[in-house]
């Protein structure tokens, strides 16, 4: 389930969800970023999408994951 604040963001996320589920790395990255930007308590969900994108070589996803992990350790 996608957890986003506004209906507009939710609709945008739904557009990304199908390609992300099918393995589209850019859609996975975008979906992960949308979840992160909500300030949601569901960081695990954002991390999951970002990790999938990073595994496929999306450099920005890898950097974001490092930032997230660094903040949690601080």
N, C-alpha and C. Protein backbone atom coordinates (compact mmCIF):
# COMPACT_ATOMS: atom_id res chain seq x y z
N UNK A 1 0.84 -1.18 0.00
CA UNK A 1 0.00 0.00 0.00
C UNK A 1 0.89 1.25 0.00
N UNK A 2 0.51 2.23 -0.77
CA UNK A 2 1.26 3.47 -0.85
C UNK A 2 0.67 4.45 0.16
N UNK A 3 1.54 5.05 0.95
CA UNK A 3 1.08 5.99 1.97
C UNK A 3 1.59 7.38 1.65
N UNK A 4 0.69 8.21 1.11
CA UNK A 4 1.06 9.57 0.75
C UNK A 4 0.00 10.52 1.27
N UNK A 5 0.41 11.76 1.53
CA UNK A 5 -0.47 12.73 2.15
C UNK A 5 -1.65 13.20 1.31
N UNK A 6 -1.41 13.63 0.10
CA UNK A 6 -2.48 14.25 -0.68
C UNK A 6 -3.01 13.32 -1.76
N UNK A 7 -4.20 13.59 -2.20
CA UNK A 7 -4.81 12.80 -3.27
C UNK A 7 -4.00 12.95 -4.56
N UNK A 8 -3.48 14.15 -4.80
CA UNK A 8 -2.68 14.39 -6.01
C UNK A 8 -1.43 13.52 -6.00
N UNK A 9 -0.74 13.49 -4.88
CA UNK A 9 0.47 12.67 -4.76
C UNK A 9 0.12 11.19 -4.88
N UNK A 10 -1.01 10.82 -4.30
CA UNK A 10 -1.44 9.43 -4.37
C UNK A 10 -1.67 9.02 -5.82
N UNK A 11 -2.34 9.88 -6.59
CA UNK A 11 -2.59 9.59 -8.00
C UNK A 11 -1.28 9.48 -8.77
N UNK A 12 -0.36 10.38 -8.48
CA UNK A 12 0.95 10.35 -9.14
C UNK A 12 1.69 9.06 -8.81
N UNK A 13 1.61 8.65 -7.56
CA UNK A 13 2.27 7.41 -7.13
C UNK A 13 1.67 6.19 -7.81
N UNK A 14 0.35 6.20 -8.00
CA UNK A 14 -0.29 5.07 -8.65
C UNK A 14 0.20 4.90 -10.09
N UNK A 15 0.51 6.01 -10.74
CA UNK A 15 1.04 5.95 -12.10
C UNK A 15 2.39 5.24 -12.10
N UNK A 16 3.18 5.44 -11.05
CA UNK A 16 4.50 4.82 -10.95
C UNK A 16 4.44 3.38 -10.43
N UNK A 17 3.40 3.06 -9.71
CA UNK A 17 3.34 1.78 -8.99
C UNK A 17 3.42 0.58 -9.92
N UNK A 18 2.65 0.56 -10.99
CA UNK A 18 2.66 -0.60 -11.88
C UNK A 18 4.03 -0.83 -12.52
N UNK A 19 4.63 0.22 -13.12
CA UNK A 19 5.97 -0.01 -13.68
C UNK A 19 6.99 -0.37 -12.59
N UNK A 20 6.85 0.22 -11.42
CA UNK A 20 7.78 -0.11 -10.32
C UNK A 20 7.66 -1.57 -9.93
N UNK A 21 6.43 -2.05 -9.83
CA UNK A 21 6.21 -3.47 -9.51
C UNK A 21 6.79 -4.40 -10.58
N UNK A 22 6.83 -3.89 -11.81
CA UNK A 22 7.35 -4.70 -12.92
C UNK A 22 8.86 -4.58 -13.06
N UNK A 23 9.49 -3.80 -12.17
CA UNK A 23 10.95 -3.73 -12.17
C UNK A 23 11.55 -2.49 -12.81
N UNK A 24 10.74 -1.50 -13.16
CA UNK A 24 11.26 -0.27 -13.76
C UNK A 24 12.01 0.52 -12.68
N UNK A 25 13.33 0.60 -12.82
CA UNK A 25 14.18 1.21 -11.81
C UNK A 25 13.87 2.68 -11.58
N UNK A 26 13.61 3.43 -12.64
CA UNK A 26 13.30 4.84 -12.48
C UNK A 26 11.98 5.04 -11.75
N UNK A 27 11.00 4.20 -12.05
CA UNK A 27 9.71 4.28 -11.36
C UNK A 27 9.88 3.91 -9.88
N UNK A 28 10.73 2.94 -9.60
CA UNK A 28 11.00 2.55 -8.21
C UNK A 28 11.64 3.70 -7.45
N UNK A 29 12.60 4.35 -8.08
CA UNK A 29 13.26 5.50 -7.45
C UNK A 29 12.26 6.62 -7.18
N UNK A 30 11.46 6.94 -8.19
CA UNK A 30 10.49 8.03 -8.05
C UNK A 30 9.48 7.71 -6.95
N UNK A 31 9.02 6.49 -6.91
CA UNK A 31 8.05 6.09 -5.89
C UNK A 31 8.67 6.18 -4.50
N UNK A 32 9.89 5.71 -4.36
CA UNK A 32 10.59 5.81 -3.08
C UNK A 32 10.76 7.24 -2.62
N UNK A 33 11.09 8.12 -3.55
CA UNK A 33 11.26 9.53 -3.22
C UNK A 33 9.94 10.18 -2.82
N UNK A 34 8.86 9.79 -3.50
CA UNK A 34 7.56 10.35 -3.16
C UNK A 34 7.18 9.97 -1.73
N UNK A 35 7.42 8.73 -1.36
CA UNK A 35 7.10 8.30 0.00
C UNK A 35 7.98 9.05 1.01
N UNK A 36 9.27 9.20 0.70
CA UNK A 36 10.18 9.92 1.61
C UNK A 36 9.75 11.38 1.79
N UNK A 37 9.34 12.02 0.72
CA UNK A 37 9.00 13.44 0.76
C UNK A 37 7.76 13.74 1.59
N UNK A 38 6.97 12.74 1.87
CA UNK A 38 5.78 12.96 2.68
C UNK A 38 6.13 13.15 4.15
N UNK A 39 7.36 12.79 4.53
CA UNK A 39 7.73 12.84 5.93
C UNK A 39 7.02 11.74 6.70
N UNK A 40 6.57 10.77 5.95
CA UNK A 40 5.80 9.66 6.50
C UNK A 40 6.62 8.84 7.48
N UNK A 41 5.93 8.19 8.36
CA UNK A 41 6.60 7.28 9.29
C UNK A 41 6.87 5.94 8.64
N UNK A 42 6.54 5.81 7.37
CA UNK A 42 6.73 4.55 6.65
C UNK A 42 8.04 4.58 5.85
N UNK A 43 9.12 4.94 6.52
CA UNK A 43 10.42 5.01 5.84
C UNK A 43 10.84 3.67 5.29
N UNK A 44 10.42 2.60 5.92
CA UNK A 44 10.76 1.26 5.42
C UNK A 44 10.23 1.07 4.01
N UNK A 45 9.06 1.64 3.72
CA UNK A 45 8.47 1.50 2.39
C UNK A 45 9.31 2.28 1.37
N UNK A 46 9.71 3.48 1.72
CA UNK A 46 10.56 4.27 0.84
C UNK A 46 11.89 3.55 0.63
N UNK A 47 12.45 3.04 1.71
CA UNK A 47 13.73 2.34 1.62
C UNK A 47 13.63 1.12 0.70
N UNK A 48 12.52 0.42 0.77
CA UNK A 48 12.33 -0.76 -0.08
C UNK A 48 12.39 -0.38 -1.56
N UNK A 49 11.66 0.67 -1.94
CA UNK A 49 11.66 1.08 -3.34
C UNK A 49 13.03 1.62 -3.76
N UNK A 50 13.65 2.40 -2.90
CA UNK A 50 14.97 2.94 -3.23
C UNK A 50 16.00 1.82 -3.36
N UNK A 51 15.92 0.82 -2.50
CA UNK A 51 16.86 -0.30 -2.56
C UNK A 51 16.69 -1.08 -3.87
N UNK A 52 15.46 -1.26 -4.29
CA UNK A 52 15.22 -1.96 -5.56
C UNK A 52 15.83 -1.19 -6.72
N UNK A 53 15.66 0.13 -6.70
CA UNK A 53 16.24 0.96 -7.75
C UNK A 53 17.77 0.93 -7.69
N UNK A 54 18.31 1.01 -6.49
CA UNK A 54 19.77 0.99 -6.33
C UNK A 54 20.37 -0.32 -6.83
N UNK A 55 19.69 -1.42 -6.57
CA UNK A 55 20.17 -2.72 -7.04
C UNK A 55 20.26 -2.79 -8.56
N UNK A 56 19.49 -1.94 -9.23
CA UNK A 56 19.52 -1.90 -10.69
C UNK A 56 20.42 -0.79 -11.23
N UNK A 57 21.17 -0.18 -10.34
CA UNK A 57 22.17 0.78 -10.78
C UNK A 57 21.77 2.24 -10.79
N UNK A 58 20.66 2.61 -10.16
CA UNK A 58 20.27 4.02 -10.10
C UNK A 58 21.12 4.69 -9.01
N UNK A 59 22.09 5.47 -9.44
CA UNK A 59 23.06 6.08 -8.51
C UNK A 59 22.38 6.98 -7.47
N UNK A 60 21.39 7.75 -7.88
CA UNK A 60 20.70 8.63 -6.94
C UNK A 60 20.01 7.84 -5.83
N UNK A 61 19.51 6.66 -6.17
CA UNK A 61 18.87 5.82 -5.16
C UNK A 61 19.91 5.34 -4.15
N UNK A 62 21.08 4.98 -4.63
CA UNK A 62 22.15 4.54 -3.74
C UNK A 62 22.55 5.66 -2.79
N UNK A 63 22.69 6.87 -3.32
CA UNK A 63 23.05 8.02 -2.48
C UNK A 63 21.98 8.30 -1.44
N UNK A 64 20.73 8.24 -1.85
CA UNK A 64 19.63 8.50 -0.91
C UNK A 64 19.61 7.48 0.21
N UNK A 65 19.84 6.22 -0.12
CA UNK A 65 19.87 5.18 0.92
C UNK A 65 20.99 5.44 1.92
N UNK A 66 22.15 5.87 1.43
CA UNK A 66 23.26 6.19 2.33
C UNK A 66 22.88 7.35 3.25
N UNK A 67 22.20 8.35 2.71
CA UNK A 67 21.75 9.49 3.52
C UNK A 67 20.77 9.03 4.59
N UNK A 68 19.80 8.22 4.20
CA UNK A 68 18.79 7.72 5.14
C UNK A 68 19.46 6.93 6.27
N UNK A 69 20.34 6.02 5.89
CA UNK A 69 21.00 5.19 6.89
C UNK A 69 21.90 6.01 7.80
N UNK A 70 22.54 7.03 7.26
CA UNK A 70 23.39 7.90 8.07
C UNK A 70 22.60 8.68 9.09
N UNK A 71 21.44 9.18 8.71
CA UNK A 71 20.59 9.95 9.63
C UNK A 71 20.06 9.08 10.75
N UNK A 72 19.76 7.83 10.45
CA UNK A 72 19.22 6.93 11.47
C UNK A 72 20.28 6.55 12.49
N UNK A 73 21.53 6.55 12.10
CA UNK A 73 22.62 6.18 13.02
C UNK A 73 23.04 7.35 13.89
N UNK A 74 22.77 8.55 13.40
CA UNK A 74 23.21 9.76 14.13
C UNK A 74 22.36 10.01 15.36
